[in-house]
PDB file of N, CA and C in Angstrom:
ATOM      1  N   UNK A   1     153.629 -18.010 212.746  1.00  0.00           N
ATOM      2  CA  UNK A   1     153.322 -18.997 211.586  1.00  0.00           C
ATOM      3  C   UNK A   1     151.750 -18.990 211.526  1.00  0.00           C
ATOM      4  N   UNK A   2     151.390 -18.881 210.166  1.00  0.00           N
ATOM      5  CA  UNK A   2     149.914 -18.822 209.939  1.00  0.00           C
ATOM      6  C   UNK A   2     149.260 -20.329 209.965  1.00  0.00           C
ATOM      7  N   UNK A   3     147.956 -20.143 210.560  1.00  0.00           N
ATOM      8  CA  UNK A   3     147.143 -21.564 210.871  1.00  0.00           C
ATOM      9  C   UNK A   3     146.558 -21.936 209.408  1.00  0.00           C
ATOM     10  N   UNK A   4     146.689 -23.189 209.053  1.00  0.00           N
ATOM     11  CA  UNK A   4     146.110 -23.800 207.981  1.00  0.00           C
ATOM     12  C   UNK A   4     144.941 -23.473 207.357  1.00  0.00           C
ATOM     13  N   UNK A   5     143.801 -23.268 208.397  1.00  0.00           N
ATOM     14  CA  UNK A   5     142.787 -22.786 208.004  1.00  0.00           C
ATOM     15  C   UNK A   5     142.342 -21.459 207.528  1.00  0.00           C
ATOM     16  N   UNK A   6     143.497 -20.579 207.802  1.00  0.00           N
ATOM     17  CA  UNK A   6     143.355 -19.182 207.272  1.00  0.00           C
ATOM     18  C   UNK A   6     143.516 -18.999 205.549  1.00  0.00           C
ATOM     19  N   UNK A   7     142.438 -18.445 205.147  1.00  0.00           N
ATOM     20  CA  UNK A   7     142.518 -18.746 203.791  1.00  0.00           C
ATOM     21  C   UNK A   7     143.311 -17.283 203.006  1.00  0.00           C
ATOM     22  N   UNK A   8     143.466 -17.738 201.576  1.00  0.00           N
ATOM     23  CA  UNK A   8     144.274 -16.649 200.736  1.00  0.00           C
ATOM     24  C   UNK A   8     143.673 -16.102 199.609  1.00  0.00           C
ATOM     25  N   UNK A   9     143.635 -14.743 199.460  1.00  0.00           N
ATOM     26  CA  UNK A   9     142.905 -14.455 198.286  1.00  0.00           C
ATOM     27  C   UNK A   9     144.182 -13.992 197.403  1.00  0.00           C
ATOM     28  N   UNK A  10     144.448 -14.497 196.344  1.00  0.00           N
ATOM     29  CA  UNK A  10     145.727 -14.515 195.374  1.00  0.00           C
ATOM     30  C   UNK A  10     145.362 -13.687 194.191  1.00  0.00           C
ATOM     31  N   UNK A  11     145.716 -12.244 193.966  1.00  0.00           N
ATOM     32  CA  UNK A  11     145.396 -11.396 192.982  1.00  0.00           C
ATOM     33  C   UNK A  11     146.554 -11.211 191.969  1.00  0.00           C
ATOM     34  N   UNK A  12     146.398 -11.556 190.686  1.00  0.00           N
ATOM     35  CA  UNK A  12     147.080 -11.590 189.704  1.00  0.00           C
ATOM     36  C   UNK A  12     147.480 -13.149 189.319  1.00  0.00           C
ATOM     37  N   UNK A  13     146.639 -13.960 189.422  1.00  0.00           N
ATOM     38  CA  UNK A  13     146.910 -15.547 189.253  1.00  0.00           C
ATOM     39  C   UNK A  13     147.021 -15.616 187.593  1.00  0.00           C
ATOM     40  N   UNK A  14     148.129 -16.330 187.132  1.00  0.00           N
ATOM     41  CA  UNK A  14     148.510 -16.544 185.763  1.00  0.00           C
ATOM     42  C   UNK A  14     148.193 -17.792 185.436  1.00  0.00           C
ATOM     43  N   UNK A  15     147.583 -18.414 184.112  1.00  0.00           N
ATOM     44  CA  UNK A  15     147.493 -19.657 183.710  1.00  0.00           C
ATOM     45  C   UNK A  15     148.914 -20.107 183.209  1.00  0.00           C
ATOM     46  N   UNK A  16     149.714 -19.321 183.141  1.00  0.00           N
ATOM     47  CA  UNK A  16     151.145 -19.582 182.480  1.00  0.00           C
ATOM     48  C   UNK A  16     152.131 -20.389 183.552  1.00  0.00           C
ATOM     49  N   UNK A  17     152.533 -21.513 183.435  1.00  0.00           N
ATOM     50  CA  UNK A  17     153.051 -22.229 184.568  1.00  0.00           C
ATOM     51  C   UNK A  17     154.422 -21.796 184.837  1.00  0.00           C
ATOM     52  N   UNK A  18     155.095 -20.910 184.246  1.00  0.00           N
ATOM     53  CA  UNK A  18     156.334 -20.339 184.435  1.00  0.00           C
ATOM     54  C   UNK A  18     156.328 -19.079 185.352  1.00  0.00           C
ATOM     55  N   UNK A  19     154.991 -18.567 185.317  1.00  0.00           N
ATOM     56  CA  UNK A  19     154.797 -17.241 186.447  1.00  0.00           C
ATOM     57  C   UNK A  19     154.847 -17.431 187.761  1.00  0.00           C
ATOM     58  N   UNK A  20     155.300 -16.618 188.667  1.00  0.00           N
ATOM     59  CA  UNK A  20     155.298 -16.970 189.951  1.00  0.00           C
ATOM     60  C   UNK A  20     153.973 -17.063 190.624  1.00  0.00           C
ATOM     61  N   UNK A  21     153.131 -16.245 190.073  1.00  0.00           N
ATOM     62  CA  UNK A  21     151.813 -16.523 190.795  1.00  0.00           C
ATOM     63  C   UNK A  21     151.019 -17.970 190.686  1.00  0.00           C
ATOM     64  N   UNK A  22     151.504 -18.267 189.554  1.00  0.00           N
ATOM     65  CA  UNK A  22     150.969 -19.902 189.399  1.00  0.00           C
ATOM     66  C   UNK A  22     151.717 -20.628 189.939  1.00  0.00           C
ATOM     67  N   UNK A  23     153.013 -20.607 190.279  1.00  0.00           N
ATOM     68  CA  UNK A  23     153.873 -21.468 191.271  1.00  0.00           C
ATOM     69  C   UNK A  23     153.279 -21.349 192.718  1.00  0.00           C
ATOM     70  N   UNK A  24     152.848 -20.094 192.727  1.00  0.00           N
ATOM     71  CA  UNK A  24     152.168 -19.744 194.336  1.00  0.00           C
ATOM     72  C   UNK A  24     150.990 -20.312 194.447  1.00  0.00           C
ATOM     73  N   UNK A  25     150.210 -20.528 193.452  1.00  0.00           N
ATOM     74  CA  UNK A  25     148.920 -21.131 193.854  1.00  0.00           C
ATOM     75  C   UNK A  25     149.146 -22.420 194.262  1.00  0.00           C
ATOM     76  N   UNK A  26     150.327 -23.179 193.260  1.00  0.00           N
ATOM     77  CA  UNK A  26     150.204 -24.785 193.522  1.00  0.00           C
ATOM     78  C   UNK A  26     151.114 -24.856 195.202  1.00  0.00           C
ATOM     79  N   UNK A  27     152.015 -23.860 195.378  1.00  0.00           N
ATOM     80  CA  UNK A  27     152.778 -23.914 196.747  1.00  0.00           C
ATOM     81  C   UNK A  27     151.766 -23.780 197.888  1.00  0.00           C
ATOM     82  N   UNK A  28     150.869 -22.836 197.743  1.00  0.00           N
ATOM     83  CA  UNK A  28     149.676 -22.645 198.731  1.00  0.00           C
ATOM     84  C   UNK A  28     149.030 -23.978 198.953  1.00  0.00           C
ATOM     85  N   UNK A  29     148.564 -24.578 197.775  1.00  0.00           N
ATOM     86  CA  UNK A  29     147.709 -25.832 197.979  1.00  0.00           C
ATOM     87  C   UNK A  29     148.440 -26.717 198.533  1.00  0.00           C
ATOM     88  N   UNK A  30     149.603 -26.940 198.122  1.00  0.00           N
ATOM     89  CA  UNK A  30     150.676 -27.989 198.522  1.00  0.00           C
ATOM     90  C   UNK A  30     150.780 -28.081 200.043  1.00  0.00           C
ATOM     91  N   UNK A  31     150.805 -26.731 200.594  1.00  0.00           N
ATOM     92  CA  UNK A  31     150.967 -26.692 202.198  1.00  0.00           C
ATOM     93  C   UNK A  31     149.647 -26.351 202.635  1.00  0.00           C
ATOM     94  N   UNK A  32     148.489 -26.851 202.054  1.00  0.00           N
ATOM     95  CA  UNK A  32     147.336 -26.841 202.543  1.00  0.00           C
ATOM     96  C   UNK A  32     146.604 -25.788 203.064  1.00  0.00           C
ATOM     97  N   UNK A  33     147.060 -24.613 202.401  1.00  0.00           N
ATOM     98  CA  UNK A  33     146.276 -23.123 202.540  1.00  0.00           C
ATOM     99  C   UNK A  33     145.204 -23.036 201.551  1.00  0.00           C
ATOM    100  N   UNK A  34     144.019 -22.973 201.860  1.00  0.00           N
ATOM    101  CA  UNK A  34     143.041 -22.633 200.998  1.00  0.00           C
ATOM    102  C   UNK A  34     143.267 -21.293 200.315  1.00  0.00           C
ATOM    103  N   UNK A  35     143.290 -21.502 199.087  1.00  0.00           N
ATOM    104  CA  UNK A  35     143.546 -20.157 198.043  1.00  0.00           C
ATOM    105  C   UNK A  35     142.641 -20.011 196.989  1.00  0.00           C
ATOM    106  N   UNK A  36     142.216 -18.613 196.866  1.00  0.00           N
ATOM    107  CA  UNK A  36     141.202 -18.496 195.821  1.00  0.00           C
ATOM    108  C   UNK A  36     141.888 -17.255 194.777  1.00  0.00           C
ATOM    109  N   UNK A  37     142.509 -18.033 193.584  1.00  0.00           N
ATOM    110  CA  UNK A  37     143.275 -17.022 192.852  1.00  0.00           C
ATOM    111  C   UNK A  37     142.541 -16.402 191.997  1.00  0.00           C
ATOM    112  N   UNK A  38     142.619 -15.111 191.631  1.00  0.00           N
ATOM    113  CA  UNK A  38     141.890 -14.319 190.733  1.00  0.00           C
ATOM    114  C   UNK A  38     142.834 -13.676 189.539  1.00  0.00           C
ATOM    115  N   UNK A  39     142.467 -13.873 188.469  1.00  0.00           N
ATOM    116  CA  UNK A  39     143.440 -13.535 187.314  1.00  0.00           C
ATOM    117  C   UNK A  39     142.407 -13.338 186.099  1.00  0.00           C
ATOM    118  N   UNK A  40     143.074 -12.681 185.040  1.00  0.00           N
ATOM    119  CA  UNK A  40     142.435 -12.131 183.709  1.00  0.00           C
ATOM    120  C   UNK A  40     141.903 -13.472 183.120  1.00  0.00           C
ATOM    121  N   UNK A  41     142.338 -14.493 183.292  1.00  0.00           N
ATOM    122  CA  UNK A  41     141.826 -15.825 182.568  1.00  0.00           C
ATOM    123  C   UNK A  41     141.299 -16.697 183.603  1.00  0.00           C
ATOM    124  N   UNK A  42     140.132 -17.372 183.223  1.00  0.00           N
ATOM    125  CA  UNK A  42     139.522 -18.370 183.972  1.00  0.00           C
ATOM    126  C   UNK A  42     140.231 -19.560 183.614  1.00  0.00           C
ATOM    127  N   UNK A  43     140.355 -20.541 184.360  1.00  0.00           N
ATOM    128  CA  UNK A  43     141.053 -21.579 184.131  1.00  0.00           C
ATOM    129  C   UNK A  43     140.973 -22.752 185.606  1.00  0.00           C
ATOM    130  N   UNK A  44     142.237 -23.368 185.485  1.00  0.00           N
ATOM    131  CA  UNK A  44     142.504 -24.134 186.595  1.00  0.00           C
ATOM    132  C   UNK A  44     144.066 -24.655 186.966  1.00  0.00           C
ATOM    133  N   UNK A  45     144.375 -24.469 188.088  1.00  0.00           N
ATOM    134  CA  UNK A  45     145.947 -24.793 188.315  1.00  0.00           C
ATOM    135  C   UNK A  45     145.960 -25.923 189.221  1.00  0.00           C
ATOM    136  N   UNK A  46     146.110 -26.971 188.911  1.00  0.00           N
ATOM    137  CA  UNK A  46     146.305 -28.209 189.866  1.00  0.00           C
ATOM    138  C   UNK A  46     144.966 -28.411 190.692  1.00  0.00           C
ATOM    139  N   UNK A  47     144.194 -28.333 189.775  1.00  0.00           N
ATOM    140  CA  UNK A  47     142.683 -28.638 190.410  1.00  0.00           C
ATOM    141  C   UNK A  47     141.961 -27.492 191.171  1.00  0.00           C
ATOM    142  N   UNK A  48     142.857 -26.468 191.211  1.00  0.00           N
ATOM    143  CA  UNK A  48     142.070 -25.153 191.873  1.00  0.00           C
ATOM    144  C   UNK A  48     141.690 -24.135 190.687  1.00  0.00           C
ATOM    145  N   UNK A  49     140.253 -23.976 190.997  1.00  0.00           N
ATOM    146  CA  UNK A  49     139.752 -23.113 189.768  1.00  0.00           C
ATOM    147  C   UNK A  49     140.445 -21.625 189.938  1.00  0.00           C
ATOM    148  N   UNK A  50     140.681 -20.937 189.031  1.00  0.00           N
ATOM    149  CA  UNK A  50     141.031 -19.567 188.943  1.00  0.00           C
ATOM    150  C   UNK A  50     140.047 -18.764 188.174  1.00  0.00           C
ATOM    151  N   UNK A  51     139.716 -17.591 188.882  1.00  0.00           N
ATOM    152  CA  UNK A  51     138.612 -16.899 188.549  1.00  0.00           C
ATOM    153  C   UNK A  51     138.761 -15.603 188.005  1.00  0.00           C
ATOM    154  N   UNK A  52     137.943 -14.917 187.236  1.00  0.00           N
ATOM    155  CA  UNK A  52     138.161 -13.799 186.684  1.00  0.00           C
ATOM    156  C   UNK A  52     137.634 -12.604 187.557  1.00  0.00           C
ATOM    157  N   UNK A  53     136.884 -12.865 188.663  1.00  0.00           N
ATOM    158  CA  UNK A  53     136.122 -12.024 189.170  1.00  0.00           C
ATOM    159  C   UNK A  53     136.399 -12.484 190.639  1.00  0.00           C
ATOM    160  N   UNK A  54     136.231 -11.086 191.511  1.00  0.00           N
ATOM    161  CA  UNK A  54     136.691 -11.563 192.977  1.00  0.00           C
ATOM    162  C   UNK A  54     135.319 -12.446 193.347  1.00  0.00           C
ATOM    163  N   UNK A  55     135.648 -12.875 194.591  1.00  0.00           N
ATOM    164  CA  UNK A  55     134.519 -14.035 195.057  1.00  0.00           C
ATOM    165  C   UNK A  55     133.445 -13.054 195.946  1.00  0.00           C
ATOM    166  N   UNK A  56     132.312 -13.946 196.403  1.00  0.00           N
ATOM    167  CA  UNK A  56     131.431 -12.991 197.101  1.00  0.00           C
ATOM    168  C   UNK A  56     132.058 -12.635 198.414  1.00  0.00           C
ATOM    169  N   UNK A  57     131.625 -11.918 199.157  1.00  0.00           N
ATOM    170  CA  UNK A  57     132.177 -11.399 200.326  1.00  0.00           C
ATOM    171  C   UNK A  57     132.121 -12.163 201.317  1.00  0.00           C
ATOM    172  N   UNK A  58     133.560 -12.596 201.715  1.00  0.00           N
ATOM    173  CA  UNK A  58     133.757 -13.410 202.893  1.00  0.00           C
ATOM    174  C   UNK A  58     135.088 -12.979 203.329  1.00  0.00           C
ATOM    175  N   UNK A  59     135.873 -13.456 204.480  1.00  0.00           N
ATOM    176  CA  UNK A  59     136.845 -13.128 204.874  1.00  0.00           C
ATOM    177  C   UNK A  59     137.926 -13.675 204.352  1.00  0.00           C
ATOM    178  N   UNK A  60     139.115 -12.944 204.268  1.00  0.00           N
ATOM    179  CA  UNK A  60     140.048 -13.423 203.718  1.00  0.00           C
ATOM    180  C   UNK A  60     141.477 -13.074 204.690  1.00  0.00           C
ATOM    181  N   UNK A  61     141.929 -14.142 205.303  1.00  0.00           N
ATOM    182  CA  UNK A  61     143.321 -13.728 206.454  1.00  0.00           C
ATOM    183  C   UNK A  61     144.247 -12.796 205.572  1.00  0.00           C
ATOM    184  N   UNK A  62     144.668 -13.556 204.279  1.00  0.00           N
ATOM    185  CA  UNK A  62     146.033 -12.937 203.677  1.00  0.00           C
ATOM    186  C   UNK A  62     145.561 -12.728 202.115  1.00  0.00           C
ATOM    187  N   UNK A  63     146.115 -11.499 201.550  1.00  0.00           N
ATOM    188  CA  UNK A  63     145.689 -11.248 200.208  1.00  0.00           C
ATOM    189  C   UNK A  63     147.279 -11.182 199.806  1.00  0.00           C
ATOM    190  N   UNK A  64     147.779 -12.099 198.886  1.00  0.00           N
ATOM    191  CA  UNK A  64     148.948 -12.165 198.054  1.00  0.00           C
ATOM    192  C   UNK A  64     148.849 -11.352 196.913  1.00  0.00           C
ATOM    193  N   UNK A  65     149.477 -10.161 196.599  1.00  0.00           N
ATOM    194  CA  UNK A  65     149.417  -9.645 195.502  1.00  0.00           C
ATOM    195  C   UNK A  65     150.412  -9.882 194.595  1.00  0.00           C
ATOM    196  N   UNK A  66     149.987 -10.058 193.206  1.00  0.00           N
ATOM    197  CA  UNK A  66     150.855 -10.493 192.213  1.00  0.00           C
ATOM    198  C   UNK A  66     150.564  -9.460 191.053  1.00  0.00           C
ATOM    199  N   UNK A  67     149.878  -8.327 191.086  1.00  0.00           N
ATOM    200  CA  UNK A  67     149.618  -7.284 190.031  1.00  0.00           C
ATOM    201  C   UNK A  67     150.418  -6.198 190.254  1.00  0.00           C
ATOM    202  N   UNK A  68     150.965  -5.508 188.852  1.00  0.00           N
ATOM    203  CA  UNK A  68     151.872  -4.458 189.204  1.00  0.00           C
ATOM    204  C   UNK A  68     150.986  -3.233 189.776  1.00  0.00           C
ATOM    205  N   UNK A  69     151.720  -2.416 190.260  1.00  0.00           N
ATOM    206  CA  UNK A  69     150.940  -1.102 190.831  1.00  0.00           C
ATOM    207  C   UNK A  69     149.660  -0.466 189.948  1.00  0.00           C
ATOM    208  N   UNK A  70     149.726  -0.413 188.881  1.00  0.00           N
ATOM    209  CA  UNK A  70     148.838   0.181 188.026  1.00  0.00           C
ATOM    210  C   UNK A  70     147.435  -0.733 188.043  1.00  0.00           C
ATOM    211  N   UNK A  71     147.970  -2.002 188.074  1.00  0.00           N
ATOM    212  CA  UNK A  71     146.535  -2.779 187.950  1.00  0.00           C
ATOM    213  C   UNK A  71     145.959  -3.202 189.267  1.00  0.00           C
ATOM    214  N   UNK A  72     146.834  -2.867 190.287  1.00  0.00           N
ATOM    215  CA  UNK A  72     146.153  -2.756 191.650  1.00  0.00           C
ATOM    216  C   UNK A  72     145.138  -1.587 192.004  1.00  0.00           C
ATOM    217  N   UNK A  73     144.964  -0.618 191.345  1.00  0.00           N
ATOM    218  CA  UNK A  73     144.109   0.539 191.628  1.00  0.00           C
ATOM    219  C   UNK A  73     142.724   0.269 191.765  1.00  0.00           C
ATOM    220  N   UNK A  74     142.412  -0.932 190.918  1.00  0.00           N
ATOM    221  CA  UNK A  74     141.048  -1.432 190.720  1.00  0.00           C
ATOM    222  C   UNK A  74     140.398  -2.039 192.085  1.00  0.00           C
ATOM    223  N   UNK A  75     141.641  -2.448 192.772  1.00  0.00           N
ATOM    224  CA  UNK A  75     141.117  -3.404 193.674  1.00  0.00           C
ATOM    225  C   UNK A  75     141.207  -2.553 194.972  1.00  0.00           C
ATOM    226  N   UNK A  76     141.607  -1.194 195.078  1.00  0.00           N
ATOM    227  CA  UNK A  76     141.992  -0.494 196.369  1.00  0.00           C
ATOM    228  C   UNK A  76     140.790  -0.586 197.521  1.00  0.00           C
ATOM    229  N   UNK A  77     139.542  -0.321 197.114  1.00  0.00           N
ATOM    230  CA  UNK A  77     138.453  -0.298 198.064  1.00  0.00           C
ATOM    231  C   UNK A  77     137.876  -1.716 198.349  1.00  0.00           C
ATOM    232  N   UNK A  78     137.799  -2.722 197.141  1.00  0.00           N
ATOM    233  CA  UNK A  78     137.325  -3.907 197.187  1.00  0.00           C
ATOM    234  C   UNK A  78     138.087  -4.764 198.107  1.00  0.00           C
ATOM    235  N   UNK A  79     139.273  -4.695 198.264  1.00  0.00           N
ATOM    236  CA  UNK A  79     140.143  -5.437 199.026  1.00  0.00           C
ATOM    237  C   UNK A  79     139.797  -5.587 200.279  1.00  0.00           C
ATOM    238  N   UNK A  80     139.421  -4.479 200.776  1.00  0.00           N
ATOM    239  CA  UNK A  80     138.979  -4.246 202.367  1.00  0.00           C
ATOM    240  C   UNK A  80     137.813  -4.838 202.557  1.00  0.00           C
ATOM    241  N   UNK A  81     136.858  -5.042 201.685  1.00  0.00           N
ATOM    242  CA  UNK A  81     135.481  -5.654 201.887  1.00  0.00           C
ATOM    243  C   UNK A  81     135.962  -6.928 202.647  1.00  0.00           C
ATOM    244  N   UNK A  82     137.034  -7.615 202.476  1.00  0.00           N
ATOM    245  CA  UNK A  82     137.202  -9.078 202.614  1.00  0.00           C
ATOM    246  C   UNK A  82     138.082  -9.278 204.104  1.00  0.00           C
ATOM    247  N   UNK A  83     138.260  -7.987 204.691  1.00  0.00           N
ATOM    248  CA  UNK A  83     138.683  -7.758 205.823  1.00  0.00           C
ATOM    249  C   UNK A  83     140.071  -8.445 206.289  1.00  0.00           C
ATOM    250  N   UNK A  84     140.966  -8.262 205.581  1.00  0.00           N
ATOM    251  CA  UNK A  84     142.226  -9.140 205.559  1.00  0.00           C
ATOM    252  C   UNK A  84     142.818  -8.782 206.577  1.00  0.00           C
ATOM    253  N   UNK A  85     143.863  -9.378 207.159  1.00  0.00           N
ATOM    254  CA  UNK A  85     144.682  -9.302 208.423  1.00  0.00           C
ATOM    255  C   UNK A  85     146.112  -8.702 207.946  1.00  0.00           C
ATOM    256  N   UNK A  86     146.292  -8.990 206.464  1.00  0.00           N
ATOM    257  CA  UNK A  86     147.807  -8.859 206.178  1.00  0.00           C
ATOM    258  C   UNK A  86     147.578  -8.884 204.682  1.00  0.00           C
ATOM    259  N   UNK A  87     148.522  -7.983 203.865  1.00  0.00           N
ATOM    260  CA  UNK A  87     148.512  -7.831 202.485  1.00  0.00           C
ATOM    261  C   UNK A  87     149.945  -8.330 202.370  1.00  0.00           C
ATOM    262  N   UNK A  88     150.270  -9.329 201.336  1.00  0.00           N
ATOM    263  CA  UNK A  88     151.753  -9.418 200.947  1.00  0.00           C
ATOM    264  C   UNK A  88     152.025  -9.035 199.535  1.00  0.00           C
ATOM    265  N   UNK A  89     152.887  -8.050 199.215  1.00  0.00           N
ATOM    266  CA  UNK A  89     153.186  -7.424 198.297  1.00  0.00           C
ATOM    267  C   UNK A  89     154.348  -8.331 197.839  1.00  0.00           C
ATOM    268  N   UNK A  90     154.539  -9.155 196.872  1.00  0.00           N
ATOM    269  CA  UNK A  90     155.577  -9.802 196.256  1.00  0.00           C
ATOM    270  C   UNK A  90     156.436  -9.036 195.226  1.00  0.00           C
ATOM    271  N   UNK A  91     157.790  -9.611 195.113  1.00  0.00           N
ATOM    272  CA  UNK A  91     158.724  -8.651 194.517  1.00  0.00           C
ATOM    273  C   UNK A  91     158.114  -8.122 193.402  1.00  0.00           C
ATOM    274  N   UNK A  92     158.250  -6.716 193.102  1.00  0.00           N
ATOM    275  CA  UNK A  92     157.796  -5.941 191.983  1.00  0.00           C
ATOM    276  C   UNK A  92     156.260  -5.560 192.008  1.00  0.00           C
ATOM    277  N   UNK A  93     155.470  -5.701 193.098  1.00  0.00           N
ATOM    278  CA  UNK A  93     154.447  -5.159 193.311  1.00  0.00           C
ATOM    279  C   UNK A  93     154.226  -4.098 194.477  1.00  0.00           C
ATOM    280  N   UNK A  94     155.404  -3.633 194.963  1.00  0.00           N
ATOM    281  CA  UNK A  94     155.278  -2.660 195.986  1.00  0.00           C
ATOM    282  C   UNK A  94     154.577  -1.352 195.637  1.00  0.00           C
ATOM    283  N   UNK A  95     154.070  -1.003 196.291  1.00  0.00           N
ATOM    284  CA  UNK A  95     152.964   0.170 196.164  1.00  0.00           C
ATOM    285  C   UNK A  95     152.839   0.992 197.442  1.00  0.00           C
ATOM    286  N   UNK A  96     153.408   2.066 197.531  1.00  0.00           N
ATOM    287  CA  UNK A  96     153.329   2.979 198.700  1.00  0.00           C
ATOM    288  C   UNK A  96     151.736   3.463 198.957  1.00  0.00           C
ATOM    289  N   UNK A  97     151.333   3.594 197.868  1.00  0.00           N
ATOM    290  CA  UNK A  97     149.651   4.338 198.143  1.00  0.00           C
ATOM    291  C   UNK A  97     148.899   3.138 198.789  1.00  0.00           C
ATOM    292  N   UNK A  98     148.917   1.949 198.256  1.00  0.00           N
ATOM    293  CA  UNK A  98     148.254   1.076 198.986  1.00  0.00           C
ATOM    294  C   UNK A  98     148.762   0.554 200.193  1.00  0.00           C
ATOM    295  N   UNK A  99     149.985   0.540 200.513  1.00  0.00           N
ATOM    296  CA  UNK A  99     150.683   0.439 201.827  1.00  0.00           C
ATOM    297  C   UNK A  99     149.804   1.192 202.755  1.00  0.00           C
ATOM    298  N   UNK A 100     149.920   2.540 202.479  1.00  0.00           N
ATOM    299  CA  UNK A 100     149.333   3.718 203.380  1.00  0.00           C
ATOM    300  C   UNK A 100     148.029   3.187 203.644  1.00  0.00           C
ATOM    301  N   UNK A 101     147.135   2.974 202.565  1.00  0.00           N
ATOM    302  CA  UNK A 101     145.777   2.597 202.833  1.00  0.00           C
ATOM    303  C   UNK A 101     145.828   1.220 203.966  1.00  0.00           C
ATOM    304  N   UNK A 102     146.471   0.430 203.690  1.00  0.00           N
ATOM    305  CA  UNK A 102     146.374  -0.571 204.442  1.00  0.00           C
ATOM    306  C   UNK A 102     146.450  -0.386 205.932  1.00  0.00           C
ATOM    307  N   UNK A 103     147.752   0.515 206.069  1.00  0.00           N
ATOM    308  CA  UNK A 103     148.180   1.087 207.597  1.00  0.00           C
ATOM    309  C   UNK A 103     147.166   1.798 208.229  1.00  0.00           C
ATOM    310  N   UNK A 104     146.410   2.353 207.297  1.00  0.00           N
ATOM    311  CA  UNK A 104     145.188   3.237 207.873  1.00  0.00           C
ATOM    312  C   UNK A 104     144.160   2.458 208.474  1.00  0.00           C
ATOM    313  N   UNK A 105     144.023   1.190 207.903  1.00  0.00           N
ATOM    314  CA  UNK A 105     143.089   0.329 208.149  1.00  0.00           C
ATOM    315  C   UNK A 105     143.414  -0.959 209.015  1.00  0.00           C
ATOM    316  N   UNK A 106     144.792  -0.729 209.695  1.00  0.00           N
ATOM    317  CA  UNK A 106     145.448  -1.714 210.653  1.00  0.00           C
ATOM    318  C   UNK A 106     145.469  -3.258 209.796  1.00  0.00           C
ATOM    319  N   UNK A 107     145.912  -3.199 208.680  1.00  0.00           N
ATOM    320  CA  UNK A 107     146.169  -4.162 207.922  1.00  0.00           C
ATOM    321  C   UNK A 107     147.648  -4.418 207.812  1.00  0.00           C
ATOM    322  N   UNK A 108     148.237  -5.563 208.256  1.00  0.00           N
ATOM    323  CA  UNK A 108     149.830  -5.732 208.212  1.00  0.00           C
ATOM    324  C   UNK A 108     150.083  -5.716 206.804  1.00  0.00           C
ATOM    325  N   UNK A 109     151.298  -5.178 206.509  1.00  0.00           N
ATOM    326  CA  UNK A 109     151.837  -5.060 205.039  1.00  0.00           C
ATOM    327  C   UNK A 109     153.095  -5.874 205.309  1.00  0.00           C
ATOM    328  N   UNK A 110     153.417  -6.823 204.446  1.00  0.00           N
ATOM    329  CA  UNK A 110     154.381  -7.549 204.064  1.00  0.00           C
ATOM    330  C   UNK A 110     154.987  -7.291 202.787  1.00  0.00           C
ATOM    331  N   UNK A 111     156.239  -6.908 202.653  1.00  0.00           N
ATOM    332  CA  UNK A 111     156.945  -7.127 201.413  1.00  0.00           C
ATOM    333  C   UNK A 111     157.923  -8.134 201.308  1.00  0.00           C
ATOM    334  N   UNK A 112     157.668  -9.230 200.857  1.00  0.00           N
ATOM    335  CA  UNK A 112     158.455 -10.526 200.574  1.00  0.00           C
ATOM    336  C   UNK A 112     157.712 -11.167 199.422  1.00  0.00           C
ATOM    337  N   UNK A 113     158.225 -12.479 199.396  1.00  0.00           N
ATOM    338  CA  UNK A 113     157.739 -13.340 198.189  1.00  0.00           C
ATOM    339  C   UNK A 113     156.931 -14.538 199.083  1.00  0.00           C
ATOM    340  N   UNK A 114     155.840 -14.463 198.728  1.00  0.00           N
ATOM    341  CA  UNK A 114     154.939 -15.722 199.307  1.00  0.00           C
ATOM    342  C   UNK A 114     155.778 -16.911 199.096  1.00  0.00           C
ATOM    343  N   UNK A 115     156.347 -17.350 197.945  1.00  0.00           N
ATOM    344  CA  UNK A 115     157.064 -18.619 197.932  1.00  0.00           C
ATOM    345  C   UNK A 115     158.146 -18.794 198.843  1.00  0.00           C
ATOM    346  N   UNK A 116     158.956 -17.732 199.105  1.00  0.00           N
ATOM    347  CA  UNK A 116     159.994 -17.777 199.861  1.00  0.00           C
ATOM    348  C   UNK A 116     159.573 -18.056 201.498  1.00  0.00           C
ATOM    349  N   UNK A 117     158.341 -17.320 201.702  1.00  0.00           N
ATOM    350  CA  UNK A 117     157.829 -17.238 203.143  1.00  0.00           C
ATOM    351  C   UNK A 117     157.385 -18.704 203.217  1.00  0.00           C
ATOM    352  N   UNK A 118     156.487 -19.406 202.282  1.00  0.00           N
ATOM    353  CA  UNK A 118     156.272 -20.870 202.338  1.00  0.00           C
ATOM    354  C   UNK A 118     157.507 -21.752 202.753  1.00  0.00           C
ATOM    355  N   UNK A 119     158.715 -21.386 201.736  1.00  0.00           N
ATOM    356  CA  UNK A 119     159.792 -22.238 201.964  1.00  0.00           C
ATOM    357  C   UNK A 119     160.458 -22.288 203.239  1.00  0.00           C
ATOM    358  N   UNK A 120     160.291 -20.964 203.804  1.00  0.00           N
ATOM    359  CA  UNK A 120     161.024 -20.627 205.127  1.00  0.00           C
ATOM    360  C   UNK A 120     159.988 -21.220 206.277  1.00  0.00           C
ATOM    361  N   UNK A 121     158.728 -21.644 205.956  1.00  0.00           N
ATOM    362  CA  UNK A 121     157.793 -21.948 207.025  1.00  0.00           C
ATOM    363  C   UNK A 121     157.369 -20.587 207.757  1.00  0.00           C
ATOM    364  N   UNK A 122     157.526 -19.383 207.202  1.00  0.00           N
ATOM    365  CA  UNK A 122     157.150 -18.141 207.733  1.00  0.00           C
ATOM    366  C   UNK A 122     155.943 -17.631 207.406  1.00  0.00           C
ATOM    367  N   UNK A 123     155.112 -18.306 206.598  1.00  0.00           N
ATOM    368  CA  UNK A 123     153.863 -17.940 205.989  1.00  0.00           C
ATOM    369  C   UNK A 123     152.832 -17.731 206.841  1.00  0.00           C
TER     370      UNK A 123
END
């Protein structure tokens, strides 16, 4: 189980409340995981700022991906500047090419739903 002080970079955050990425930001916050959501639009989800750009370089334990395969390409190299220990591909975001890059860099690959992992206490 992940320790609470480990932070999460969430790619593909949406300001639309019915989107899973929006619900995931709320769920991560509720479960006391520091989350840095990045999306197309800037805004706020339950007091958590949503950014349109990646943050200054720091370490993120987990990257939770909510972008489709095509939109992930821009992040291939930038993603690893944050030295993630794992990348979670949420349903519909699976990407063999990025998975292979993760494995080359010894980053754990998880194909699962962030929300289900939180619910099961397996995050």
